[in-house]
Protein backbone atom coordinates (compact mmCIF):
# COMPACT_ATOMS: atom_id res chain seq x y z
CA MET A 1 3.44 45.95 3.80
CA ALA A 2 6.81 46.62 3.63
CA THR A 3 9.65 44.41 5.62
CA ALA A 4 12.94 45.11 6.50
CA THR A 5 15.38 42.61 7.70
CA ALA A 6 18.70 43.14 9.56
CA THR A 7 21.24 40.68 11.00
CA ALA A 8 23.81 41.37 13.58
CA ARG A 9 26.33 39.07 15.10
CA LEU A 10 26.43 39.60 19.12
CA GLN A 11 29.42 39.44 21.53
CA SER A 12 27.03 39.69 24.40
CA PRO A 13 23.40 40.17 25.16
CA SER A 14 23.81 43.94 26.34
CA GLU A 15 24.53 44.48 22.41
CA LEU A 16 21.04 43.64 21.61
CA SER A 17 19.68 47.23 22.39
CA ARG A 18 22.32 48.83 20.34
CA ALA A 19 21.70 46.08 17.31
CA VAL A 20 17.73 47.21 17.36
CA HIS A 21 18.62 51.12 17.65
CA LYS A 22 20.79 51.08 14.68
CA SER A 23 18.64 48.61 12.44
CA MET A 24 15.33 51.31 13.49
CA GLU A 25 17.41 53.66 11.22
CA VAL A 26 16.03 52.31 8.30
CA ALA A 27 12.57 53.18 9.41
CA VAL A 28 10.43 56.33 9.06
CA GLY A 29 9.10 57.88 12.46
CA GLY A 30 5.63 58.29 12.79
CA PHE A 31 5.03 54.67 11.35
CA GLY A 32 3.75 51.96 13.37
CA VAL A 33 6.59 49.22 13.27
CA ARG A 34 6.73 45.74 15.15
CA VAL A 35 10.27 43.96 15.52
CA GLN A 36 10.66 40.30 15.95
CA ALA A 37 13.72 39.64 17.36
CA VAL A 38 15.42 35.82 17.24
CA ALA A 39 18.63 34.66 18.26
CA ALA A 40 19.65 31.75 16.25
CA LEU A 41 22.53 29.16 16.94
CA GLY A 42 22.72 26.42 14.80
CA GLY A 43 19.21 25.64 14.17
CA SER A 44 18.27 26.35 17.75
CA ARG A 45 16.03 29.34 17.78
CA LEU A 46 16.35 31.64 21.15
CA LYS A 47 13.40 33.92 21.07
CA CYS A 48 14.10 37.34 22.28
CA GLY A 49 10.80 38.91 22.60
CA SER A 50 8.82 41.62 20.64
CA LEU A 51 10.29 45.05 20.61
CA ALA A 52 7.17 47.60 19.88
CA TYR A 53 8.31 50.89 18.25
CA ARG A 54 6.58 53.40 17.61
CA SER A 55 6.95 57.65 17.18
CA ARG A 56 10.59 56.67 17.74
CA SER A 57 9.97 55.27 21.20
CA LEU A 58 11.71 52.09 21.87
CA LYS A 59 11.30 49.29 24.78
CA ILE A 60 14.06 46.70 24.90
CA PRO A 61 13.04 43.60 26.55
CA VAL A 62 15.35 40.94 28.16
CA LEU A 63 16.83 38.53 25.87
CA LYS A 64 15.69 35.31 26.82
CA ASN A 65 17.63 31.78 26.88
CA SER A 66 20.86 33.73 25.84
CA SER A 67 24.48 32.64 26.62
CA HIS A 68 27.73 35.00 26.35
CA ARG A 69 28.95 33.64 23.39
CA LYS A 70 28.46 34.60 19.51
CA GLU A 71 25.00 34.34 18.66
CA SER A 72 23.15 35.54 15.17
CA LEU A 73 20.19 38.27 15.69
CA VAL A 74 17.61 38.43 13.07
CA LEU A 75 15.19 41.57 13.31
CA ALA A 76 12.05 41.24 11.08
CA MET A 77 10.54 44.80 10.85
CA SER A 78 7.23 45.44 9.08
CA ARG A 79 6.11 49.02 8.39
CA SER A 80 2.48 49.64 8.33
CA GLU A 81 -0.19 49.80 10.72
CA PRO A 82 0.49 48.65 14.24
CA THR A 83 -0.04 44.84 14.05
CA VAL A 84 2.02 42.06 14.90
CA THR A 85 3.65 40.02 11.78
CA ASN A 86 5.24 36.69 12.32
CA VAL A 87 7.92 36.08 10.03
CA GLN A 88 8.93 32.73 9.82
CA ASP A 89 12.78 31.85 9.53
CA SER A 90 14.31 30.46 6.31
CA PRO A 91 17.08 27.51 6.82
CA ALA A 92 19.89 29.96 5.85
CA SER A 93 18.62 32.65 8.87
CA THR A 94 18.30 29.88 11.51
CA GLY A 95 21.65 28.60 10.66
CA LEU A 96 20.43 25.09 9.16
CA SER A 97 22.26 23.07 6.69
CA LEU A 98 20.93 21.93 3.58
CA GLU A 99 21.32 18.34 4.93
CA THR A 100 19.35 18.99 8.11
CA ALA A 101 16.68 20.80 6.23
CA LYS A 102 16.11 17.84 4.01
CA LYS A 103 16.23 15.44 6.89
CA ASP A 104 13.73 17.67 8.68
CA VAL A 105 11.49 17.49 5.36
CA LEU A 106 12.00 13.54 5.12
CA GLY A 107 11.03 13.18 8.64
CA ALA A 108 7.71 15.19 8.30
CA LEU A 109 6.88 12.78 4.89
CA SER A 110 8.03 9.58 6.62
CA GLN A 111 4.67 10.23 8.91
CA ILE A 112 2.31 9.65 5.57
CA ILE A 113 1.81 5.71 5.68
CA ASP A 114 0.84 3.83 2.50
CA PRO A 115 -2.42 2.11 3.27
CA ASP A 116 -1.70 -0.97 0.96
CA PHE A 117 2.28 -1.49 2.08
CA GLY A 118 1.68 -0.16 5.76
CA THR A 119 5.00 1.52 5.41
CA ASP A 120 5.80 5.21 4.88
CA ILE A 121 6.21 6.92 1.81
CA VAL A 122 9.71 7.54 2.47
CA THR A 123 10.67 4.08 3.00
CA CYS A 124 8.60 2.84 -0.01
CA GLY A 125 10.75 5.13 -2.29
CA PHE A 126 8.07 7.56 -3.42
CA VAL A 127 9.90 10.77 -2.80
CA LYS A 128 12.08 11.88 -5.58
CA GLU A 129 13.90 15.12 -6.43
CA LEU A 130 13.66 16.81 -3.04
CA THR A 131 14.95 20.43 -3.25
CA VAL A 132 15.14 23.12 -0.29
CA ASP A 133 15.63 26.58 -1.37
CA GLU A 134 17.79 27.83 1.75
CA SER A 135 17.17 31.80 1.24
CA THR A 136 13.38 31.64 0.68
CA GLY A 137 12.57 28.39 2.82
CA GLU A 138 10.68 26.89 -0.43
CA VAL A 139 10.45 22.76 -0.33
CA SER A 140 9.84 21.15 -3.45
CA PHE A 141 9.69 17.40 -4.32
CA GLN A 142 7.86 14.89 -6.22
CA LEU A 143 5.65 11.86 -5.24
CA GLU A 144 6.18 9.02 -7.54
CA LEU A 145 3.85 6.50 -7.32
CA THR A 146 3.32 3.05 -8.54
CA THR A 147 0.62 3.70 -10.45
CA PRO A 148 -0.98 6.99 -12.10
CA ALA A 149 -4.32 5.07 -10.87
CA CYS A 150 -3.36 5.31 -7.28
CA PRO A 151 -6.64 5.75 -5.42
CA VAL A 152 -4.99 7.65 -2.82
CA LYS A 153 -2.86 9.94 -4.61
CA ASP A 154 -5.00 12.96 -3.57
CA MET A 155 -4.92 11.91 0.18
CA PHE A 156 -0.92 11.78 -0.19
CA GLU A 157 -0.81 15.32 -1.80
CA GLN A 158 -2.78 16.64 0.76
CA GLN A 159 -1.14 15.05 3.94
CA ALA A 160 2.31 15.97 2.20
CA LYS A 161 1.55 19.64 2.00
CA GLU A 162 0.07 19.67 5.39
CA LYS A 163 3.20 17.61 7.08
CA VAL A 164 5.74 19.69 5.25
CA SER A 165 4.11 23.03 5.97
CA ALA A 166 4.02 22.28 9.62
CA ILE A 167 7.84 22.75 9.53
CA PRO A 168 8.82 26.05 11.10
CA TRP A 169 11.23 27.39 8.74
CA VAL A 170 9.06 26.18 5.59
CA LYS A 171 7.56 28.87 3.78
CA GLY A 172 5.97 27.08 0.81
CA VAL A 173 5.62 23.77 -0.35
CA ASN A 174 5.35 22.45 -4.16
CA VAL A 175 4.47 18.85 -4.75
CA LYS A 176 4.46 17.18 -8.05
CA MET A 177 2.44 13.98 -8.29
CA THR A 178 4.13 11.46 -10.83
CA ALA A 179 3.91 7.91 -11.54
CA GLN A 180 6.70 5.47 -12.14
CA PRO A 181 7.27 4.45 -15.72
CA ALA A 182 5.41 1.41 -17.05
CA LYS A 183 7.57 -1.57 -16.96
CA PRO A 184 7.12 -5.53 -16.18
CA LEU A 185 8.52 -6.88 -12.98
CA ILE A 186 10.20 -9.14 -14.80
CA ALA A 187 12.26 -7.54 -17.76
CA ASP A 188 13.99 -10.78 -19.13
CA ASP A 189 12.37 -13.33 -21.42
CA VAL A 190 9.10 -10.91 -21.97
CA PRO A 191 8.36 -10.28 -25.33
CA ALA A 192 9.37 -7.13 -26.90
CA GLY A 193 5.83 -5.54 -27.21
CA LEU A 194 5.21 -6.34 -23.60
CA LYS A 195 8.43 -4.83 -22.02
CA LYS A 196 6.87 -1.62 -21.34
CA VAL A 197 3.59 -3.22 -19.74
CA SER A 198 3.52 -2.96 -15.83
CA ASN A 199 0.53 -5.28 -15.08
CA ILE A 200 -1.36 -8.01 -16.55
CA VAL A 201 -4.24 -8.78 -15.51
CA ALA A 202 -6.58 -11.92 -16.43
CA VAL A 203 -10.21 -12.14 -16.52
CA SER A 204 -11.72 -15.45 -16.40
CA SER A 205 -14.44 -17.60 -15.76
CA CYS A 206 -13.86 -20.82 -17.36
CA LYS A 207 -17.57 -20.69 -18.63
CA GLY A 208 -19.22 -19.06 -21.27
CA GLY A 209 -22.25 -16.98 -20.91
CA VAL A 210 -21.39 -15.23 -17.20
CA GLY A 211 -20.38 -11.68 -18.45
CA LYS A 212 -16.72 -12.27 -18.57
CA SER A 213 -16.19 -9.83 -21.51
CA THR A 214 -18.74 -7.61 -19.76
CA VAL A 215 -16.59 -7.38 -16.68
CA ALA A 216 -13.18 -7.17 -18.64
CA VAL A 217 -14.21 -4.19 -21.04
CA ASN A 218 -15.82 -2.13 -17.95
CA LEU A 219 -12.76 -2.88 -15.62
CA ALA A 220 -10.45 -1.48 -18.65
CA TYR A 221 -12.65 1.79 -18.83
CA SER A 222 -12.75 2.13 -14.83
CA LEU A 223 -9.04 2.19 -14.87
CA ALA A 224 -8.74 4.38 -17.62
CA GLN A 225 -10.94 6.82 -15.77
CA MET A 226 -8.87 6.45 -12.70
CA GLY A 227 -5.75 7.76 -14.75
CA ALA A 228 -4.21 4.81 -15.87
CA ARG A 229 -2.92 3.68 -19.17
CA VAL A 230 -4.95 0.43 -20.21
CA GLY A 231 -5.07 -1.55 -23.23
CA ILE A 232 -7.57 -4.97 -23.55
CA PHE A 233 -6.63 -8.20 -25.07
CA ASP A 234 -9.43 -10.49 -26.56
CA ALA A 235 -8.12 -14.11 -26.21
CA ASP A 236 -11.30 -15.55 -27.56
CA ILE A 237 -10.44 -16.31 -31.20
CA TYR A 238 -13.79 -18.48 -31.68
CA GLY A 239 -15.96 -15.84 -30.40
CA PRO A 240 -14.48 -12.56 -30.25
CA SER A 241 -16.60 -10.25 -28.10
CA LEU A 242 -14.67 -7.13 -28.05
CA PRO A 243 -15.84 -5.59 -31.53
CA THR A 244 -19.37 -5.86 -30.27
CA MET A 245 -18.70 -4.33 -27.32
CA VAL A 246 -16.34 -1.44 -28.15
CA SER A 247 -16.65 0.57 -31.60
CA PRO A 248 -13.44 2.24 -32.32
CA GLU A 249 -13.27 4.73 -35.44
CA VAL A 250 -10.62 2.49 -36.95
CA LYS A 251 -12.00 -1.06 -36.86
CA VAL A 252 -9.11 -3.04 -38.47
CA LEU A 253 -5.83 -3.59 -37.11
CA GLN A 254 -2.80 -1.75 -38.70
CA MET A 255 0.89 -3.31 -38.90
CA ASN A 256 4.17 -1.42 -38.95
CA PRO A 257 5.80 -1.68 -42.31
CA GLU A 258 9.02 -1.41 -40.87
CA THR A 259 8.82 -3.51 -37.36
CA ARG A 260 6.22 -5.92 -38.52
CA ALA A 261 4.38 -5.07 -35.15
CA ILE A 262 0.70 -5.11 -34.79
CA ILE A 263 -0.40 -1.32 -33.98
CA PRO A 264 -3.90 -1.49 -31.47
CA THR A 265 -6.68 0.28 -32.59
CA GLU A 266 -8.06 2.88 -29.61
CA TYR A 267 -11.44 3.83 -28.52
CA LEU A 268 -11.20 6.84 -25.60
CA GLY A 269 -7.86 5.99 -25.07
CA VAL A 270 -7.68 2.56 -24.43
CA LYS A 271 -5.66 0.25 -26.73
CA LEU A 272 -7.80 -2.53 -28.40
CA VAL A 273 -6.84 -6.07 -30.08
CA SER A 274 -9.03 -8.73 -30.87
CA PHE A 275 -9.03 -11.11 -33.46
CA GLY A 276 -12.30 -9.83 -34.80
CA TYR A 277 -10.57 -6.54 -35.54
CA ALA A 278 -8.17 -8.70 -38.01
CA GLY A 279 -10.79 -8.71 -40.79
CA GLN A 280 -10.33 -12.31 -41.19
CA GLY A 281 -14.07 -13.40 -40.59
CA SER A 282 -14.74 -16.49 -38.70
CA ALA A 283 -12.12 -18.69 -36.81
CA ILE A 284 -12.30 -22.05 -38.21
CA MET A 285 -8.96 -23.50 -36.66
CA ARG A 286 -7.71 -26.40 -34.59
CA GLY A 287 -6.39 -25.61 -31.10
CA PRO A 288 -2.55 -25.68 -32.11
CA MET A 289 -3.06 -23.15 -34.39
CA VAL A 290 -5.33 -20.99 -32.09
CA SER A 291 -2.48 -20.94 -29.66
CA GLY A 292 -0.12 -19.72 -32.35
CA VAL A 293 -2.52 -16.88 -33.16
CA ILE A 294 -3.05 -16.00 -29.87
CA ASN A 295 0.78 -15.85 -29.21
CA GLN A 296 1.28 -13.76 -32.25
CA PHE A 297 -1.36 -11.11 -31.30
CA LEU A 298 -0.18 -10.86 -27.83
CA THR A 299 3.63 -10.75 -28.27
CA THR A 300 4.09 -9.17 -31.59
CA THR A 301 1.61 -6.07 -30.83
CA ASP A 302 3.23 -2.81 -29.86
CA TRP A 303 1.39 -2.20 -26.66
CA GLY A 304 3.64 0.98 -26.06
CA GLU A 305 3.56 1.75 -22.16
CA LEU A 306 0.36 0.50 -20.25
CA ASP A 307 -0.05 0.40 -16.68
CA TYR A 308 -2.54 -2.59 -16.95
CA LEU A 309 -3.25 -4.82 -19.92
CA VAL A 310 -6.65 -6.70 -19.10
CA ILE A 311 -6.99 -9.88 -20.84
CA ASP A 312 -10.45 -11.35 -21.71
CA MET A 313 -9.48 -14.93 -21.36
CA PRO A 314 -11.62 -17.55 -23.42
CA PRO A 315 -13.56 -20.05 -21.46
CA GLY A 316 -12.19 -23.31 -20.33
CA THR A 317 -8.77 -24.63 -19.10
CA GLY A 318 -6.77 -26.09 -21.94
CA ASP A 319 -4.02 -25.35 -24.49
CA ILE A 320 -5.19 -21.77 -24.99
CA GLN A 321 -5.23 -20.77 -21.42
CA LEU A 322 -1.87 -22.61 -20.42
CA THR A 323 -0.50 -20.81 -23.55
CA LEU A 324 -1.38 -17.41 -22.25
CA CYS A 325 -0.21 -18.26 -18.48
CA GLN A 326 3.27 -19.44 -19.98
CA VAL A 327 3.96 -16.90 -22.56
CA VAL A 328 3.42 -13.68 -20.53
CA PRO A 329 3.65 -13.06 -16.76
CA LEU A 330 0.46 -12.86 -15.44
CA THR A 331 0.44 -10.40 -12.50
CA ALA A 332 -3.09 -11.46 -11.17
CA ALA A 333 -6.69 -12.89 -12.06
CA VAL A 334 -10.02 -11.45 -11.53
CA ILE A 335 -12.79 -14.55 -11.57
CA VAL A 336 -16.16 -14.07 -12.86
CA THR A 337 -19.01 -16.21 -11.89
CA THR A 338 -23.15 -16.22 -11.49
CA PRO A 339 -25.45 -17.66 -8.64
CA GLN A 340 -25.81 -20.64 -9.99
CA LYS A 341 -24.10 -23.90 -8.62
CA LEU A 342 -23.30 -25.01 -12.40
CA ALA A 343 -20.98 -21.76 -12.70
CA PHE A 344 -19.28 -22.39 -9.46
CA ILE A 345 -18.15 -25.89 -10.75
CA ASP A 346 -16.42 -24.29 -13.82
CA VAL A 347 -14.86 -21.43 -11.85
CA ALA A 348 -13.48 -23.84 -9.34
CA LYS A 349 -11.41 -25.52 -12.21
CA GLY A 350 -10.14 -22.03 -13.52
CA VAL A 351 -9.28 -21.04 -9.86
CA ARG A 352 -7.10 -24.33 -9.43
CA MET A 353 -5.39 -23.75 -12.78
CA PHE A 354 -4.42 -20.38 -11.77
CA SER A 355 -2.97 -21.55 -8.49
CA LYS A 356 -1.04 -24.30 -10.31
CA LEU A 357 0.48 -21.74 -12.46
CA LYS A 358 1.01 -19.33 -9.37
CA VAL A 359 -0.97 -16.75 -10.69
CA PRO A 360 -3.01 -15.12 -7.69
CA CYS A 361 -6.56 -14.50 -7.85
CA ILE A 362 -7.42 -11.40 -5.93
CA ALA A 363 -11.10 -10.86 -6.77
CA VAL A 364 -14.54 -12.52 -7.39
CA VAL A 365 -17.18 -10.64 -9.57
CA GLU A 366 -20.62 -12.16 -9.21
CA ASN A 367 -22.76 -11.28 -12.03
CA MET A 368 -26.57 -11.11 -12.55
CA CYS A 369 -26.90 -11.40 -8.47
CA PHE A 370 -29.79 -9.43 -7.91
CA PHE A 371 -32.35 -6.81 -9.32
CA GLU A 372 -34.26 -4.01 -7.23
CA GLY A 373 -37.80 -3.27 -6.95
CA ASP A 374 -40.32 -2.07 -4.70
CA ASP A 375 -37.36 -0.88 -2.37
CA LYS A 376 -36.27 -4.59 -2.00
CA ARG A 377 -33.60 -6.69 -3.72
CA TYR A 378 -34.68 -9.83 -5.44
CA TYR A 379 -32.25 -12.67 -5.77
CA PRO A 380 -33.78 -14.85 -8.81
CA PHE A 381 -30.95 -17.23 -9.34
CA GLY A 382 -30.34 -17.80 -5.59
CA LYS A 383 -27.34 -16.75 -3.61
CA GLY A 384 -23.71 -18.05 -2.57
CA SER A 385 -21.72 -18.84 -5.48
CA GLY A 386 -19.33 -16.15 -5.29
CA SER A 387 -19.16 -16.42 -1.34
CA LYS A 388 -18.28 -20.13 -1.90
CA VAL A 389 -15.53 -19.22 -4.16
CA VAL A 390 -13.92 -16.69 -1.91
CA GLU A 391 -14.48 -18.91 1.37
CA GLN A 392 -13.24 -22.27 -0.47
CA PHE A 393 -10.12 -20.65 -2.11
CA GLY A 394 -9.43 -17.54 0.22
CA ILE A 395 -9.99 -14.99 -2.51
CA PRO A 396 -10.21 -11.62 -0.46
CA HIS A 397 -12.62 -9.64 -2.21
CA LEU A 398 -16.28 -10.49 -3.70
CA PHE A 399 -18.08 -8.10 -5.67
CA GLU A 400 -21.78 -8.26 -6.56
CA LEU A 401 -23.64 -7.07 -9.89
CA PRO A 402 -27.14 -6.34 -10.54
CA ILE A 403 -29.40 -7.42 -13.25
CA ARG A 404 -29.59 -4.09 -15.11
CA PRO A 405 -30.83 -3.81 -18.94
CA GLU A 406 -28.87 -0.87 -19.53
CA LEU A 407 -25.72 -2.97 -18.75
CA SER A 408 -26.52 -5.40 -21.33
CA ALA A 409 -27.56 -2.38 -23.69
CA ALA A 410 -24.50 -0.79 -23.32
CA GLY A 411 -22.53 -3.67 -24.65
CA ASP A 412 -24.52 -4.40 -27.79
CA THR A 413 -24.13 -0.69 -28.71
CA GLY A 414 -20.61 -0.38 -28.40
CA ASN A 415 -20.15 1.90 -25.43
CA PRO A 416 -19.39 0.60 -22.39
CA GLU A 417 -21.77 1.20 -19.28
CA VAL A 418 -18.98 2.86 -17.20
CA VAL A 419 -18.66 5.31 -19.95
CA VAL A 420 -22.28 6.08 -20.85
CA ASP A 421 -23.11 6.44 -16.95
CA PRO A 422 -19.92 7.14 -14.96
CA GLN A 423 -22.11 8.27 -12.00
CA GLY A 424 -24.42 5.31 -11.86
CA GLN A 425 -24.61 2.23 -9.68
CA VAL A 426 -22.52 -0.22 -12.08
CA ALA A 427 -20.05 2.28 -12.58
CA ASN A 428 -19.18 2.71 -8.80
CA ILE A 429 -18.95 -1.14 -8.55
CA PHE A 430 -16.54 -1.49 -11.29
CA SER A 431 -14.62 1.63 -9.75
CA ASP A 432 -14.78 -0.41 -6.54
CA VAL A 433 -13.23 -3.41 -8.64
CA GLY A 434 -10.74 -1.25 -10.14
CA VAL A 435 -9.49 0.17 -6.64
CA CYS A 436 -9.23 -3.41 -5.86
CA VAL A 437 -7.01 -4.09 -8.92
CA VAL A 438 -4.73 -1.43 -8.36
CA GLN A 439 -4.26 -1.96 -4.58
CA GLN A 440 -3.68 -5.78 -4.73
CA CYS A 441 -1.59 -5.32 -7.69
CA ALA A 442 0.73 -3.18 -5.95
CA LYS A 443 1.13 -5.23 -3.02
CA LEU A 444 1.78 -8.48 -5.45
CA ARG A 445 4.58 -6.64 -6.78
CA GLN A 446 6.12 -5.16 -3.78
CA ALA A 447 6.02 -8.71 -2.13
CA VAL A 448 7.35 -10.23 -5.10
CA SER A 449 10.40 -7.67 -5.77
CA THR A 450 11.23 -8.26 -1.86
CA ALA A 451 10.49 -12.18 -1.27
CA VAL A 452 14.26 -13.24 -1.67
CA MET A 453 16.74 -10.79 -0.81
CA TYR A 454 20.86 -10.85 -0.05
CA ASP A 455 21.69 -9.41 3.36
CA LYS A 456 25.35 -8.22 2.99
CA ALA A 457 25.62 -7.30 6.69
CA ILE A 458 24.90 -10.92 8.01
CA ASN A 459 25.69 -13.08 4.68
CA ALA A 460 22.54 -14.48 4.35
CA ILE A 461 19.57 -14.89 2.14
CA ARG A 462 16.21 -13.41 3.42
CA VAL A 463 13.24 -15.13 2.09
CA LYS A 464 9.60 -14.29 2.38
CA VAL A 465 7.37 -16.27 -0.12
CA PRO A 466 4.39 -13.87 -1.27
CA GLY A 467 1.03 -14.75 0.29
CA THR A 468 2.68 -15.60 4.16
CA THR A 469 4.05 -13.80 6.84
CA GLU A 470 6.87 -15.86 7.82
CA GLU A 471 10.59 -14.67 7.12
CA PHE A 472 13.54 -17.26 7.27
CA LEU A 473 17.15 -17.17 6.38
CA LEU A 474 19.17 -19.21 4.23
CA HIS A 475 22.71 -19.68 3.85
CA PRO A 476 23.98 -18.74 0.35
CA ALA A 477 26.22 -21.95 -0.04
CA THR A 478 22.92 -23.89 0.96
CA VAL A 479 20.99 -22.43 -1.78
CA ARG A 480 23.46 -22.92 -4.38
CA ARG A 481 24.24 -26.54 -3.63
CA ASN A 482 20.44 -27.39 -3.87
CA ASP A 483 20.19 -26.58 -7.36
CA ARG A 484 18.30 -29.02 -9.25
CA SER A 485 19.20 -27.98 -12.76
CA ALA A 486 21.01 -29.97 -15.58
CA LYS A 487 24.05 -28.06 -14.39
CA SER A 488 24.10 -29.64 -11.16
CA ILE A 489 22.22 -33.08 -11.22
CA ASP A 490 22.34 -35.57 -14.49
CA GLU A 491 18.86 -35.27 -16.06
CA TRP A 492 19.14 -39.10 -16.73
CA SER A 493 20.64 -40.57 -13.94
CA GLY A 494 19.64 -38.04 -11.27
CA GLU A 495 23.32 -38.40 -10.16
CA GLN A 496 24.57 -35.30 -7.97
CA LYS A 497 27.14 -33.85 -10.35
CA LEU A 498 27.67 -30.86 -7.84
CA ARG A 499 29.60 -32.08 -5.16
CA TYR A 500 29.51 -30.43 -1.49
CA THR A 501 33.46 -29.03 -1.64
CA ASP A 502 32.72 -27.32 -4.95
CA VAL A 503 30.74 -24.52 -3.44
CA ALA A 504 32.81 -21.99 -0.96
CA GLU A 505 31.29 -21.57 2.39
CA ASP A 506 31.70 -17.68 1.96
CA LEU A 507 29.81 -17.78 -1.44
CA ALA A 508 27.51 -14.90 -1.74
CA PRO A 509 25.11 -14.07 -4.64
CA GLU A 510 25.83 -11.34 -7.43
CA SER A 511 22.31 -10.58 -7.78
CA ILE A 512 18.85 -11.68 -7.18
CA ARG A 513 15.58 -10.87 -9.33
CA PRO A 514 12.05 -12.26 -9.37
CA MET A 515 10.67 -14.89 -11.89
CA GLY A 516 7.00 -14.27 -11.91
CA ASN A 517 5.25 -15.16 -8.77
CA TYR A 518 6.72 -18.53 -8.27
CA ALA A 519 10.31 -18.21 -8.18
CA ALA A 520 13.67 -16.13 -8.00
CA ALA A 521 16.59 -16.07 -10.30
CA ILE A 522 19.89 -16.01 -8.40
CA ASN A 523 23.28 -15.01 -10.49
CA TRP A 524 26.55 -16.65 -8.72
CA PRO A 525 30.24 -15.28 -9.32
CA ASP A 526 30.61 -18.12 -11.77
CA GLY A 527 28.33 -16.95 -14.00
CA PHE A 528 25.59 -19.55 -13.45
CA SER A 529 21.96 -18.58 -12.80
CA GLN A 530 19.86 -20.53 -10.59
CA ILE A 531 16.23 -20.67 -10.67
CA ALA A 532 15.07 -21.22 -7.11
CA PRO A 533 11.60 -21.74 -6.84
CA TYR A 534 9.69 -20.60 -3.66
CA ASP A 535 8.42 -23.79 -2.96
CA GLN A 536 11.98 -25.10 -2.69
CA LEU A 537 13.36 -22.54 -0.77
CA ALA A 538 10.94 -23.44 1.92
CA THR A 539 12.16 -26.83 2.14
CA MET A 540 16.09 -25.91 2.45
CA GLU A 541 18.14 -26.03 5.98
CA ARG A 542 17.51 -22.77 7.36
CA LEU A 543 19.88 -20.65 9.45
CA VAL A 544 18.90 -20.83 13.25
CA ASP A 545 22.07 -19.04 14.40
CA ILE A 546 21.79 -15.71 13.21
CA PRO A 547 25.38 -14.08 12.40
CA GLU A 548 26.65 -10.77 13.80
CA PRO A 549 26.19 -7.95 11.24
CA VAL A 550 29.05 -6.66 9.72
CA PRO A 551 29.58 -3.12 10.58
CA VAL A 552 29.60 -0.69 7.92
CA PRO A 553 31.97 2.34 8.27
CA GLU A 554 30.31 5.53 7.96
CA ASN A 555 31.65 8.52 6.01
CA THR A 556 32.99 11.48 8.30
CA ALA A 557 33.91 15.02 7.71
CA ALA A 558 37.51 15.26 6.40
CA THR A 559 38.02 17.99 9.12
CA GLN A 560 36.73 15.88 12.02
CA SER A 561 39.46 15.06 14.68
CA THR A 562 40.56 11.39 14.80
CA ASN A 563 39.93 11.62 18.82
CA GLU A 564 36.45 12.94 18.46
CA LYS A 565 33.24 10.74 18.67
CA PRO A 566 31.05 11.32 15.80
CA VAL A 567 28.08 13.49 16.47
CA LYS A 568 24.74 10.90 15.47
CA ASP A 569 21.80 13.34 15.84
CA ALA A 570 21.44 15.34 12.95
CA GLY A 571 20.37 18.54 15.18
CA ALA A 572 23.18 18.12 17.59
CA ALA A 573 25.74 17.63 14.68
CA ALA A 574 24.37 20.83 13.14
CA ILE A 575 24.90 23.00 16.45
CA LEU A 576 28.37 21.80 17.05
CA ASN A 577 29.49 22.63 13.45
CA HIS A 578 27.91 26.00 13.51
CA ALA A 579 29.67 26.52 16.92
CA ARG A 580 33.17 25.64 15.22
CA ARG A 581 32.41 28.08 12.54
CA LEU A 582 32.19 30.75 14.82
CA GLN A 583 35.04 30.00 16.71
CA THR A 584 37.28 30.47 13.53
């Protein structure tokens, strides 16, 4: 089908007939032609109606919604059978500016809400590299998600195409799905090998024999199947399980001769580090030595870019566990238990340890819960241990694993169950656990990154402690005066060294960044970096009378007259600018 387009500048509606007749000269008589006439002024499309032309017979309808000012007429003529062809206008033909077109796209995308953050994807900052081809109406952009394992990425892509395609002038939509580069939430004081690891998830039970290693390995491979870059660190020096459960081709860890960094071995794309791969045999050493070995393995390994590093924690709550929690910034913990009461007692100790170390526990996996037979579920060890942990400690998610011989056999043969049977019942449960880990880690990172922020407009520090819904305001000078470091208070006598008058009332922080899940680091103009724990911020004197926001002047066009009021509505501004151009 051939299409001819003509554009005419009209002085009055009466010129429509002459313009159409003139444009018809490009058509060959005897063929069916359908003409769609549209008058455009600053993005407001004034439809003129359909002009039917057959065998040089032309009927001119009355121009609707017209005025006696200059208007642009766009004629689209399709040369083929006498059928109606609707041709959408590009931004250029409708008079839309590039800025207005991009606002249309962002407005459409802002209708898509992230179910985890409860905020639209534009506010979340997911939309990147937005481009609009004014001549063709093609729209291209990236959706940069927090993780490649995002469980709703396909839904986002589909909704983005639907919402943007619904814009009248859009003719095509190109969406590229990407993920943010792997990086820790806290870049400072992180070992070099972990600087490109986004989330570190501990799998813990504080009791041996409950299936903790089974959960850690299958969780890691479930995350990998979701598209994430994953590593596993087996932190049990005395009884490493990873070499039995996963059998890579290279079973011995290598070392980079130049950087002296440990190179992880790999199996099916998941990076693996364990003392069992070190070729040192049995570990017969005292506790402090074990802590040093764990520190060396974890911090000197070149993990590369990882979205999730799963740590298989050893049993107990001693030096080794404390070393792990203090050396690396754990994002979250997954608790593994069994239905017995004895397991609950030890698990409760581990949950309390993570609570004191400000590591949130996001899920409970109750292993060996039931088996199925005769279309019934049987619970040989009773019920209630997992649900008791959830109820007593407020952990939001509980997952029950069945007693399956295949699950145990897969661990003994070096092939995880989720790899052997990716569509099976166990794989589906671990997939749900993986989705939970992805969602909760994203929420935690978002909450921590926005927990303490400086609002320049009102000269106040906004605080919203992760895990709470309350937001309160603190005066920057109050925060600075409440510093409890050695620079402000004498460590021996407890005497206050920082005087009240030493801090100016108009003091403002230069930057604020999170320090794990427990504090924020605030940099002040005098070069001092203050560590402000969330618990301490919650006890400070709060602002009651909210100061008036300081107005931020908006940049206006250089050609705008000083006695004209700025037009805030984007559509009205575009129409006004178009009218001005026509007058010149």
